[in-house]
């Protein structure tokens, strides 16, 4: 079952991010957090300064929580702990 997280993106409203087939989530300690997917795709979140990797941890915890729930619960909405200004998928 596909799993999704919805989060607020400054200037864009609520965006949906896939948490299916995630290989790893890595914050760089400054202004981006990258979700790497199996197959090579990635989603780069541009965020406010995050020297404590709080957004990385928040996304990882949201993913674990979703996968621990019933297959019928396939999405969750979070309020990012730091402002996210863009999500770029490549």
Protein backbone atom coordinates (compact mmCIF):
# COMPACT_ATOMS: atom_id res chain seq x y z
CA UNK A 1 0.00 0.00 0.00
CA UNK A 2 1.26 3.45 -0.90
CA UNK A 3 1.94 5.78 2.04
CA UNK A 4 1.82 9.59 1.87
CA UNK A 5 2.52 12.52 4.13
CA UNK A 6 0.90 15.92 3.69
CA UNK A 7 2.81 18.98 4.85
CA UNK A 8 2.57 22.75 4.60
CA UNK A 9 4.86 24.40 2.04
CA UNK A 10 5.24 28.17 2.32
CA UNK A 11 3.47 29.86 -0.60
CA UNK A 12 2.11 26.58 -2.00
CA UNK A 13 -0.28 25.38 0.68
CA UNK A 14 -0.46 21.68 1.51
CA UNK A 15 1.77 19.38 -0.59
CA UNK A 16 1.71 15.58 -0.68
CA UNK A 17 4.95 13.64 -0.40
CA UNK A 18 5.23 9.91 -1.04
CA UNK A 19 6.75 7.84 1.75
CA UNK A 20 6.61 4.61 -0.27
CA UNK A 21 9.81 2.92 -1.45
CA UNK A 22 11.99 5.29 0.60
CA UNK A 23 15.63 4.25 0.75
CA UNK A 24 16.75 6.98 3.16
CA UNK A 25 15.98 10.49 4.40
CA UNK A 26 18.97 12.77 4.87
CA UNK A 27 19.10 16.32 6.20
CA UNK A 28 22.23 18.32 5.45
CA UNK A 29 22.11 20.35 8.66
CA UNK A 30 21.52 23.58 6.79
CA UNK A 31 18.66 24.27 4.38
CA UNK A 32 17.64 21.05 2.66
CA UNK A 33 16.37 17.59 3.47
CA UNK A 34 16.43 14.89 0.78
CA UNK A 35 14.19 11.85 0.53
CA UNK A 36 15.94 9.19 -1.58
CA UNK A 37 13.73 6.55 -3.19
CA UNK A 38 14.54 3.08 -4.49
CA UNK A 39 15.17 3.41 -8.22
CA UNK A 40 17.09 6.68 -7.89
CA UNK A 41 14.34 9.30 -7.67
CA UNK A 42 14.57 11.91 -4.94
CA UNK A 43 12.53 14.68 -3.38
CA UNK A 44 14.48 17.68 -2.11
CA UNK A 45 12.77 19.79 0.52
CA UNK A 46 14.13 23.32 0.86
CA UNK A 47 13.72 24.34 4.48
CA UNK A 48 14.70 26.93 7.04
CA UNK A 49 18.00 26.37 8.84
CA UNK A 50 17.86 22.98 10.58
CA UNK A 51 21.17 22.34 12.35
CA UNK A 52 19.54 19.76 14.64
CA UNK A 53 18.10 17.67 11.76
CA UNK A 54 14.61 18.03 13.20
CA UNK A 55 12.83 17.83 9.82
CA UNK A 56 14.79 14.68 8.90
CA UNK A 57 13.76 13.11 12.21
CA UNK A 58 10.16 14.25 11.85
CA UNK A 59 9.84 12.70 8.37
CA UNK A 60 11.50 9.46 9.49
CA UNK A 61 9.18 9.21 12.51
CA UNK A 62 6.12 9.93 10.34
CA UNK A 63 7.14 7.18 7.91
CA UNK A 64 7.65 4.62 10.69
CA UNK A 65 4.32 5.57 12.25
CA UNK A 66 2.45 5.17 8.97
CA UNK A 67 3.93 1.74 8.32
CA UNK A 68 3.04 0.60 11.84
CA UNK A 69 -0.62 1.45 11.23
CA UNK A 70 -3.24 -0.52 9.34
CA UNK A 71 -2.89 -0.68 5.55
CA UNK A 72 -6.13 1.32 5.33
CA UNK A 73 -4.40 4.29 7.01
CA UNK A 74 -2.24 5.41 4.10
CA UNK A 75 -1.68 9.09 4.84
CA UNK A 76 -0.96 11.55 7.61
CA UNK A 77 -0.63 15.31 7.86
CA UNK A 78 2.26 16.92 9.71
CA UNK A 79 3.19 20.46 10.57
CA UNK A 80 6.88 20.76 9.71
CA UNK A 81 9.05 21.76 12.66
CA UNK A 82 10.93 24.14 10.36
CA UNK A 83 9.42 26.08 7.46
CA UNK A 84 9.51 24.22 4.13
CA UNK A 85 9.58 26.61 1.16
CA UNK A 86 9.72 24.11 -1.75
CA UNK A 87 9.69 20.44 -2.70
CA UNK A 88 11.49 19.47 -5.90
CA UNK A 89 11.16 15.93 -7.24
CA UNK A 90 13.80 14.59 -9.62
